[in-house]
N, C-alpha and C. Protein backbone atom coordinates (compact mmCIF):
# COMPACT_ATOMS: atom_id res chain seq x y z
N UNK A 1 51.72 36.94 92.81
CA UNK A 1 51.33 37.36 91.37
C UNK A 1 52.88 36.59 91.21
N UNK A 2 54.13 37.09 91.75
CA UNK A 2 55.70 37.25 91.84
C UNK A 2 55.80 35.01 91.55
N UNK A 3 55.15 34.78 92.58
CA UNK A 3 55.27 33.11 92.82
C UNK A 3 54.74 32.44 91.89
N UNK A 4 53.44 33.10 91.69
CA UNK A 4 52.58 32.12 90.35
C UNK A 4 53.34 32.46 89.01
N UNK A 5 54.12 33.51 88.56
CA UNK A 5 54.79 33.05 87.56
C UNK A 5 56.32 32.95 87.92
N UNK A 6 56.84 32.52 88.98
CA UNK A 6 58.25 31.84 89.48
C UNK A 6 57.77 30.54 88.53
N UNK A 7 56.15 29.97 89.26
CA UNK A 7 56.21 29.08 88.79
C UNK A 7 56.29 28.34 87.98
N UNK A 8 55.30 29.07 87.03
CA UNK A 8 55.15 28.72 85.64
C UNK A 8 56.39 28.55 85.07
N UNK A 9 57.33 29.77 84.83
CA UNK A 9 58.74 29.77 84.36
C UNK A 9 59.71 28.56 84.93
N UNK A 10 59.23 28.01 86.21
CA UNK A 10 60.34 26.73 85.88
C UNK A 10 59.75 25.75 85.72
N UNK A 11 58.26 25.28 85.66
CA UNK A 11 57.58 24.49 85.29
C UNK A 11 57.98 24.01 83.24
N UNK A 12 57.71 25.75 82.90
CA UNK A 12 58.35 25.75 81.47
C UNK A 12 59.41 24.89 80.89
N UNK A 13 60.45 25.08 82.04
CA UNK A 13 62.10 25.27 81.90
C UNK A 13 62.31 23.48 82.03
N UNK A 14 61.25 23.18 82.63
CA UNK A 14 61.64 21.74 83.28
C UNK A 14 60.89 21.25 81.97
N UNK A 15 59.81 21.46 81.53
CA UNK A 15 58.98 20.83 80.22
C UNK A 15 59.87 21.00 79.11
N UNK A 16 60.57 22.09 78.93
CA UNK A 16 61.58 22.01 77.72
C UNK A 16 62.58 21.31 77.73
N UNK A 17 63.58 21.09 78.83
CA UNK A 17 64.41 20.19 79.25
C UNK A 17 64.35 18.69 78.85
N UNK A 18 62.72 18.45 79.47
CA UNK A 18 62.36 17.17 79.07
C UNK A 18 62.55 16.71 77.38
N UNK A 19 61.30 18.08 77.49
CA UNK A 19 61.54 17.72 75.74
C UNK A 19 63.12 17.60 74.46
N UNK A 20 63.65 18.34 74.55
CA UNK A 20 65.05 18.59 74.69
C UNK A 20 65.85 17.36 74.91
N UNK A 21 65.71 16.85 76.37
CA UNK A 21 66.61 15.32 76.58
C UNK A 21 65.94 13.93 75.52
N UNK A 22 64.77 14.02 75.09
CA UNK A 22 63.95 12.95 74.68
C UNK A 22 64.49 12.73 73.32
N UNK A 23 64.35 14.00 72.70
CA UNK A 23 64.78 14.49 71.42
C UNK A 23 66.19 13.60 70.78
N UNK A 24 66.98 14.17 72.24
CA UNK A 24 68.71 13.84 71.82
C UNK A 24 68.80 11.90 72.44
N UNK A 25 68.28 11.46 73.00
CA UNK A 25 68.46 10.21 73.15
C UNK A 25 67.53 9.53 72.17
N UNK A 26 66.39 10.11 71.45
CA UNK A 26 65.64 9.47 70.00
C UNK A 26 67.26 9.37 68.65
N UNK A 27 67.60 10.91 69.06
CA UNK A 27 68.35 11.09 67.65
C UNK A 27 69.66 10.03 67.75
N UNK A 28 70.36 10.42 68.75
CA UNK A 28 71.28 8.92 69.39
C UNK A 28 70.97 7.71 69.07
N UNK A 29 69.55 7.21 69.17
CA UNK A 29 69.77 5.68 69.09
C UNK A 29 69.22 5.73 68.16
N UNK A 30 68.90 6.78 67.12
CA UNK A 30 68.74 6.76 65.40
C UNK A 30 69.99 6.57 64.94
N UNK A 31 70.88 6.87 65.48
CA UNK A 31 72.28 7.25 65.03
C UNK A 31 72.92 5.85 65.01
N UNK A 32 72.68 5.54 66.19
CA UNK A 32 73.30 4.19 66.71
C UNK A 32 72.95 2.98 65.69
N UNK A 33 71.33 3.17 65.29
CA UNK A 33 70.83 2.29 64.67
C UNK A 33 71.57 2.43 63.27
N UNK A 34 71.98 3.46 62.66
CA UNK A 34 72.16 3.54 61.09
C UNK A 34 73.86 3.29 60.99
N UNK A 35 74.46 3.11 62.16
CA UNK A 35 75.83 2.68 62.47
C UNK A 35 75.63 1.42 62.43
N UNK A 36 74.96 1.10 63.19
CA UNK A 36 74.98 -0.90 63.28
C UNK A 36 74.20 -1.36 62.21
N UNK A 37 73.51 -0.91 61.27
CA UNK A 37 73.22 -1.95 60.25
C UNK A 37 74.38 -2.26 59.33
N UNK A 38 74.56 -3.51 58.96
CA UNK A 38 75.75 -4.10 58.46
C UNK A 38 76.06 -5.46 58.92
N UNK A 39 77.11 -6.02 58.36
CA UNK A 39 77.86 -7.00 58.44
C UNK A 39 78.89 -6.87 59.17
N UNK A 40 78.98 -7.78 60.79
CA UNK A 40 79.98 -7.26 61.53
C UNK A 40 80.76 -8.64 61.89
N UNK A 41 82.17 -8.79 62.11
CA UNK A 41 82.35 -9.65 62.96
C UNK A 41 82.99 -10.14 64.26
N UNK A 42 83.54 -11.32 65.00
CA UNK A 42 83.93 -11.10 65.90
C UNK A 42 85.50 -11.02 66.09
N UNK A 43 86.20 -9.76 66.44
CA UNK A 43 87.56 -9.74 66.28
C UNK A 43 88.22 -10.16 67.39
N UNK A 44 87.62 -10.06 68.60
CA UNK A 44 88.04 -10.03 70.43
C UNK A 44 87.37 -10.58 71.10
N UNK A 45 87.71 -11.56 72.26
CA UNK A 45 86.79 -11.60 73.01
C UNK A 45 87.37 -11.91 74.52
N UNK A 46 87.19 -10.99 75.29
CA UNK A 46 87.89 -11.33 76.80
C UNK A 46 88.24 -12.02 77.30
N UNK A 47 89.02 -12.60 77.85
CA UNK A 47 89.26 -13.71 78.78
C UNK A 47 88.31 -14.18 79.90
N UNK A 48 87.97 -15.25 79.98
CA UNK A 48 86.63 -15.47 80.68
C UNK A 48 85.29 -15.76 80.02
N UNK A 49 85.40 -15.05 78.85
CA UNK A 49 83.96 -15.06 78.28
C UNK A 49 84.22 -16.30 76.79
N UNK A 50 82.99 -17.04 76.69
CA UNK A 50 83.38 -17.75 75.68
C UNK A 50 83.77 -17.60 74.57
N UNK A 51 84.70 -17.99 74.42
CA UNK A 51 85.62 -17.39 73.45
C UNK A 51 85.00 -18.65 71.70
N UNK A 52 84.08 -19.41 71.67
CA UNK A 52 83.94 -19.77 70.64
C UNK A 52 83.28 -18.67 69.48
N UNK A 53 82.85 -18.02 70.01
CA UNK A 53 81.91 -16.60 69.24
C UNK A 53 83.27 -15.99 68.39
N UNK A 54 84.45 -16.21 68.88
CA UNK A 54 85.37 -15.36 67.97
C UNK A 54 85.03 -15.70 66.68
N UNK A 55 85.06 -15.04 65.89
CA UNK A 55 85.26 -14.95 64.05
C UNK A 55 83.69 -15.34 63.75
N UNK A 56 83.14 -15.56 64.68
CA UNK A 56 81.23 -15.12 64.49
C UNK A 56 80.73 -13.73 63.86
N UNK A 57 79.80 -14.10 62.99
CA UNK A 57 79.21 -12.70 62.25
C UNK A 57 77.93 -12.50 62.72
N UNK A 58 78.07 -10.95 63.01
CA UNK A 58 76.40 -10.12 63.36
C UNK A 58 76.17 -9.71 61.86
N UNK A 59 74.74 -10.09 61.36
CA UNK A 59 74.24 -9.13 60.54
C UNK A 59 72.92 -8.44 61.02
N UNK A 60 72.93 -7.03 61.01
CA UNK A 60 71.81 -6.20 61.49
C UNK A 60 71.33 -5.69 60.16
N UNK A 61 69.78 -5.73 60.06
CA UNK A 61 68.86 -4.91 59.52
C UNK A 61 68.42 -3.84 59.35
N UNK A 62 68.24 -2.72 58.89
CA UNK A 62 67.60 -1.47 58.90
C UNK A 62 66.39 -1.60 59.12
N UNK A 63 65.50 -2.95 59.49
CA UNK A 63 64.02 -3.79 59.73
C UNK A 63 64.19 -3.87 61.38
N UNK A 64 65.18 -3.83 62.21
CA UNK A 64 65.11 -4.40 63.56
C UNK A 64 65.42 -5.71 63.31
N UNK A 65 65.83 -6.54 62.53
CA UNK A 65 66.04 -7.96 62.32
C UNK A 65 67.47 -7.79 62.66
N UNK A 66 68.16 -9.15 62.83
CA UNK A 66 69.63 -9.55 62.31
C UNK A 66 69.86 -11.21 62.65
N UNK A 67 71.42 -11.42 62.20
CA UNK A 67 71.20 -13.01 62.01
C UNK A 67 72.62 -13.01 62.90
N UNK A 68 72.55 -14.16 63.75
CA UNK A 68 74.26 -14.42 64.01
C UNK A 68 74.37 -15.94 63.66
N UNK A 69 75.17 -15.63 62.56
CA UNK A 69 76.35 -16.63 62.32
C UNK A 69 77.50 -17.32 62.81
N UNK A 70 77.37 -18.17 62.97
CA UNK A 70 78.51 -19.57 63.88
C UNK A 70 78.85 -20.52 63.12
N UNK A 71 79.96 -21.29 63.81
CA UNK A 71 80.50 -22.68 62.85
C UNK A 71 79.31 -23.29 63.03
N UNK A 72 78.57 -23.48 63.86
CA UNK A 72 77.49 -24.60 64.43
C UNK A 72 76.09 -24.06 63.77
N UNK A 73 76.04 -22.81 63.07
CA UNK A 73 74.83 -22.65 62.41
C UNK A 73 74.55 -21.29 62.60
N UNK A 74 73.21 -20.65 62.35
CA UNK A 74 72.81 -19.69 62.35
C UNK A 74 71.58 -19.17 63.13
N UNK A 75 71.31 -18.29 63.23
CA UNK A 75 70.03 -17.62 64.74
C UNK A 75 69.69 -16.33 63.65
N UNK A 76 68.83 -16.16 64.02
CA UNK A 76 67.61 -15.02 63.78
C UNK A 76 66.86 -14.42 64.93
N UNK A 77 66.92 -12.58 64.83
CA UNK A 77 66.11 -12.13 65.98
C UNK A 77 65.67 -11.44 65.61
N UNK A 78 65.43 -10.08 66.74
CA UNK A 78 65.32 -9.18 66.91
C UNK A 78 65.87 -8.09 67.38
N UNK A 79 66.05 -6.93 67.45
CA UNK A 79 66.90 -6.16 68.28
C UNK A 79 66.16 -5.03 68.07
N UNK A 80 66.95 -3.80 69.42
CA UNK A 80 66.05 -2.43 69.47
C UNK A 80 66.96 -2.23 70.44
N UNK A 81 67.11 -0.69 70.50
CA UNK A 81 68.14 0.38 70.99
C UNK A 81 67.12 0.52 72.82
N UNK A 82 67.81 0.56 73.62
CA UNK A 82 67.32 1.34 75.09
C UNK A 82 68.51 2.29 75.40
N UNK A 83 68.92 3.23 74.96
CA UNK A 83 70.25 3.67 75.19
C UNK A 83 71.20 3.41 74.80
N UNK A 84 72.07 3.21 75.79
CA UNK A 84 73.09 2.13 74.81
C UNK A 84 73.35 1.10 75.31
N UNK A 85 72.18 0.39 75.50
CA UNK A 85 71.79 -1.15 75.80
C UNK A 85 71.25 -1.64 74.20
N UNK A 86 71.78 -2.88 73.42
CA UNK A 86 71.00 -2.69 72.43
C UNK A 86 70.97 -4.53 72.85
N UNK A 87 69.71 -4.71 72.94
CA UNK A 87 68.77 -5.78 73.19
C UNK A 87 68.23 -6.86 71.97
N UNK A 88 68.82 -7.33 71.96
CA UNK A 88 68.73 -8.64 71.13
C UNK A 88 67.74 -9.77 71.51
N UNK A 89 66.64 -10.54 70.94
CA UNK A 89 65.92 -11.19 71.27
C UNK A 89 66.04 -12.82 70.17
N UNK A 90 66.00 -13.59 70.58
CA UNK A 90 65.47 -14.97 69.96
C UNK A 90 65.32 -15.54 70.32
N UNK A 91 64.21 -16.32 69.98
CA UNK A 91 63.19 -17.16 70.22
C UNK A 91 62.76 -16.32 71.55
N UNK A 92 62.12 -15.57 71.31
CA UNK A 92 61.75 -14.91 72.75
C UNK A 92 62.71 -14.89 74.32
N UNK A 93 63.77 -14.99 73.77
CA UNK A 93 64.71 -14.66 75.08
C UNK A 93 65.18 -13.37 74.77
N UNK A 94 65.30 -12.52 75.46
CA UNK A 94 66.16 -11.56 75.08
C UNK A 94 67.46 -11.55 75.58
N UNK A 95 68.94 -10.90 75.19
CA UNK A 95 69.98 -11.17 75.08
C UNK A 95 70.67 -9.31 75.20
N UNK A 96 71.45 -8.99 76.66
CA UNK A 96 71.49 -7.05 75.93
C UNK A 96 73.12 -7.26 76.12
N UNK A 97 73.41 -6.50 75.33
CA UNK A 97 75.09 -5.78 75.57
C UNK A 97 75.48 -4.39 75.76
N UNK A 98 76.04 -4.10 76.46
CA UNK A 98 76.12 -2.12 76.39
C UNK A 98 77.20 -2.06 75.80
N UNK A 99 76.75 -0.95 74.20
CA UNK A 99 77.79 -0.80 74.11
C UNK A 99 78.23 0.51 74.06
N UNK A 100 79.85 0.45 74.43
CA UNK A 100 80.48 1.09 75.10
C UNK A 100 81.31 2.25 73.87
N UNK A 101 81.35 1.59 72.15
CA UNK A 101 81.40 2.30 71.56
C UNK A 101 81.12 1.40 69.88
N UNK A 102 81.08 2.74 69.13
CA UNK A 102 80.13 2.18 67.80
C UNK A 102 80.58 3.52 66.95
N UNK A 103 81.40 3.17 65.59
CA UNK A 103 81.61 3.74 64.65
C UNK A 103 81.34 2.75 63.66
N UNK A 104 82.09 3.64 62.50
CA UNK A 104 81.33 2.93 60.97
C UNK A 104 82.13 1.51 60.94
N UNK A 105 83.52 1.56 61.70
CA UNK A 105 84.58 0.50 61.08
C UNK A 105 84.86 -1.04 62.65
N UNK A 106 84.61 -0.13 63.50
CA UNK A 106 84.59 -1.32 64.94
C UNK A 106 83.01 -1.10 66.00
N UNK A 107 83.11 -1.48 66.54
CA UNK A 107 82.06 -1.78 67.48
C UNK A 107 82.89 -2.19 69.19
N UNK A 108 82.72 -2.23 70.15
CA UNK A 108 82.96 -2.35 71.32
C UNK A 108 82.05 -2.52 72.43
N UNK A 109 81.66 -4.19 72.79
CA UNK A 109 80.71 -3.99 73.56
C UNK A 109 80.53 -5.07 74.82
N UNK A 110 79.99 -5.11 76.02
CA UNK A 110 80.14 -5.65 77.01
C UNK A 110 78.61 -6.30 77.57
N UNK A 111 79.05 -7.51 77.96
CA UNK A 111 77.72 -8.24 78.74
C UNK A 111 77.53 -7.45 80.09
N UNK A 112 75.94 -7.29 80.04
CA UNK A 112 75.86 -6.24 81.58
C UNK A 112 76.19 -7.53 82.68
N UNK A 113 75.97 -8.58 82.77
CA UNK A 113 76.64 -9.10 83.68
C UNK A 113 77.78 -9.91 84.21
N UNK A 114 78.76 -10.17 82.89
CA UNK A 114 79.84 -10.57 82.74
C UNK A 114 80.71 -8.89 83.05
N UNK A 115 80.82 -8.07 82.25
CA UNK A 115 81.10 -6.82 82.11
C UNK A 115 82.20 -7.24 81.14
N UNK A 116 82.36 -8.69 80.43
CA UNK A 116 83.77 -8.94 79.70
C UNK A 116 83.33 -8.30 77.88
N UNK A 117 84.67 -7.76 77.50
CA UNK A 117 84.79 -6.99 76.50
C UNK A 117 84.53 -8.06 74.94
N UNK A 118 83.79 -7.52 74.32
CA UNK A 118 83.61 -8.26 72.79
C UNK A 118 83.93 -7.41 72.13
N UNK A 119 85.13 -7.07 70.83
CA UNK A 119 85.06 -6.30 69.89
C UNK A 119 84.66 -7.02 68.31
N UNK A 120 84.15 -5.92 67.74
CA UNK A 120 83.52 -6.47 66.67
C UNK A 120 84.35 -5.54 65.07
N UNK A 121 84.48 -5.87 64.22
CA UNK A 121 84.55 -5.27 62.99
C UNK A 121 83.74 -5.04 62.05
N UNK A 122 83.39 -4.41 61.23
CA UNK A 122 82.57 -4.53 59.89
C UNK A 122 83.67 -4.89 58.99
N UNK A 123 82.22 -5.49 58.66
CA UNK A 123 82.92 -6.78 56.89
C UNK A 123 83.19 -5.71 56.36
């Protein structure tokens, strides 16, 4: 009987930890999305990455859509969060950025493959 009760207690603890972890992740993604919504401009691009994006603008909407405005035109797409990864899709082609920091005034991200840092400021 003691083993059975111990097993139930362990199972309950594991289940509760999974519930709270899921809530924390959902809440964190919600906060990140709220911080993301708005207009941003690229202010820094680490050497070795495409410098033509310097000064480009990223306009994120609350409905999960975004527009990227560059000198040669603009593109629209959708975005979603997966942990600290911001996944943006344009013409069914996904691109992602690892968001290292996001505040109400600034954001730092890097590409998952290049690991080159890009900084944005809110307009």
